Structures are given as structure tokens and as C-alpha cells.
């Protein structure tokens, strides 16, 4: 029994296997109460779900450096290849998401 528990403990965590496909991720920099941020997220959700893209939401008020950098620019969406600043051209962003997926 102890050998079996040891064998299970030695297994890799799910999603960490070298051949596991990476999930494309974009970052939405926002702050609570930002209506533009909420609107962009609402518009993004069906597209990211369809394309299998994960949206990582980062609240800029939790990090002084991010607050300094983005407070006048949010919402900001960062893809693996570029960043989009408000006002965000959704058509251009969706084209980028198609390429990321």
C-alpha cells in the first residue's frame, strides 16, 4: 500500500507533461468598477470560449507598479504578441485572437 501511495505522489501534475498542449492565454488588466473593462470582458467571453483562449484578469489596484503603468489606459488586453489599449478596436483584437488560437 505504501508503494502505491508513493507511485501516485511521483506522478506529474495535470497539464505539466511536456507534450500537453499549452492553453493560449490573454491578460485583461482592469480595476473593479471600470465599466469599460466590464464591457470589453463581456464582449470577449463568447470569442475566447469559442477559440479556447483563457482570459487572465489582473486587477491593477493590487500592484502599485501596474497601477502606475496602466491606470489611465485600462482596459488593457495583452496577447502573446501585442497589447491593446482603450479604446480597444474589437475587430482588430478578434483578428489577433484568431491568430493566437
Protein backbone atom coordinates (compact mmCIF):
# COMPACT_ATOMS: atom_id res chain seq x y z
CA UNK A 1 0.00 0.00 0.00
CA UNK A 2 2.78 2.43 0.86
CA UNK A 3 4.40 1.69 -2.52
CA UNK A 4 1.18 2.60 -4.31
CA UNK A 5 0.87 5.92 -2.47
CA UNK A 6 4.48 6.67 -3.35
CA UNK A 7 3.86 5.93 -7.03
CA UNK A 8 0.86 8.30 -7.11
CA UNK A 9 2.85 11.04 -5.40
CA UNK A 10 5.56 10.74 -8.05
CA UNK A 11 3.18 11.48 -10.93
CA UNK A 12 3.30 14.82 -12.68
CA UNK A 13 0.61 17.40 -12.03
CA UNK A 14 -2.11 17.54 -14.71
CA UNK A 15 -1.16 19.81 -17.58
CA UNK A 16 2.57 19.78 -16.80
CA UNK A 17 3.54 16.93 -19.09
CA UNK A 18 5.94 18.20 -21.78
CA UNK A 19 3.62 17.15 -24.60
CA UNK A 20 0.47 18.64 -23.04
CA UNK A 21 -0.76 21.44 -25.32
CA UNK A 22 -0.48 24.93 -23.89
CA UNK A 23 -3.72 26.84 -23.47
CA UNK A 24 -3.46 30.22 -25.20
CA UNK A 25 -3.84 32.98 -22.62
CA UNK A 26 -4.51 36.69 -22.83
CA UNK A 27 -4.36 39.12 -19.92
CA UNK A 28 -7.02 41.71 -19.15
CA UNK A 29 -5.67 44.48 -16.93
CA UNK A 30 -8.61 46.12 -15.15
CA UNK A 31 -9.89 47.53 -11.88
CA UNK A 32 -13.17 46.97 -10.06
CA UNK A 33 -15.87 49.41 -11.10
CA UNK A 34 -14.36 50.11 -14.53
CA UNK A 35 -17.36 49.97 -16.86
CA UNK A 36 -15.14 49.90 -19.96
CA UNK A 37 -13.30 46.87 -18.55
CA UNK A 38 -16.59 45.09 -17.85
CA UNK A 39 -17.83 45.86 -21.37
CA UNK A 40 -14.68 44.52 -23.03
CA UNK A 41 -14.80 41.36 -20.93
CA UNK A 42 -18.48 40.86 -21.78
CA UNK A 43 -17.70 41.22 -25.50
CA UNK A 44 -14.65 38.94 -25.26
CA UNK A 45 -16.16 35.97 -23.43
CA UNK A 46 -18.02 34.29 -26.34
CA UNK A 47 -14.98 34.63 -28.61
CA UNK A 48 -12.43 33.36 -26.12
CA UNK A 49 -14.71 30.44 -25.24
CA UNK A 50 -15.14 29.55 -28.92
CA UNK A 51 -11.39 29.78 -29.57
CA UNK A 52 -10.30 28.02 -26.36
CA UNK A 53 -8.40 31.05 -25.08
CA UNK A 54 -8.05 31.66 -21.34
CA UNK A 55 -8.56 35.20 -20.03
CA UNK A 56 -6.42 36.01 -17.01
CA UNK A 57 -7.90 39.00 -15.19
CA UNK A 58 -5.39 41.19 -13.34
CA UNK A 59 -6.65 43.93 -11.02
CA UNK A 60 -4.15 46.78 -11.33
CA UNK A 61 -5.09 48.20 -7.91
CA UNK A 62 -3.41 45.20 -6.25
CA UNK A 63 0.04 46.15 -7.59
CA UNK A 64 1.44 49.69 -7.32
CA UNK A 65 3.64 49.21 -10.40
CA UNK A 66 0.66 48.10 -12.53
CA UNK A 67 -1.45 50.94 -11.15
CA UNK A 68 1.24 53.44 -12.13
CA UNK A 69 1.63 51.90 -15.57
CA UNK A 70 -2.00 51.30 -16.59
CA UNK A 71 -4.34 53.49 -14.50
CA UNK A 72 -5.12 55.85 -17.38
CA UNK A 73 -5.04 53.16 -20.07
CA UNK A 74 -7.44 50.45 -18.87
CA UNK A 75 -8.83 48.26 -20.09
CA UNK A 76 -5.61 46.82 -21.45
CA UNK A 77 -5.52 43.44 -23.16
CA UNK A 78 -2.19 41.75 -23.61
CA UNK A 79 -1.86 38.88 -26.07
CA UNK A 80 1.31 36.83 -26.55
CA UNK A 81 2.38 39.20 -29.34
CA UNK A 82 0.98 42.66 -28.55
CA UNK A 83 -1.08 44.89 -26.27
CA UNK A 84 -4.38 46.68 -26.90
CA UNK A 85 -5.21 49.87 -25.02
CA UNK A 86 -8.53 51.67 -24.55
CA UNK A 87 -10.38 52.40 -26.70
CA UNK A 88 -9.98 48.84 -27.97
CA UNK A 89 -10.74 48.10 -31.59
CA UNK A 90 -12.66 44.84 -31.11
CA UNK A 91 -12.42 43.88 -34.77
CA UNK A 92 -8.64 44.15 -34.67
CA UNK A 93 -8.50 42.32 -31.32
CA UNK A 94 -10.64 39.46 -32.65
CA UNK A 95 -8.31 39.08 -35.63
CA UNK A 96 -5.40 38.84 -33.20
CA UNK A 97 -7.24 36.23 -31.11
CA UNK A 98 -7.81 34.09 -34.19
CA UNK A 99 -4.05 34.10 -34.76
CA UNK A 100 -3.27 33.35 -31.10
CA UNK A 101 -5.63 30.35 -31.05
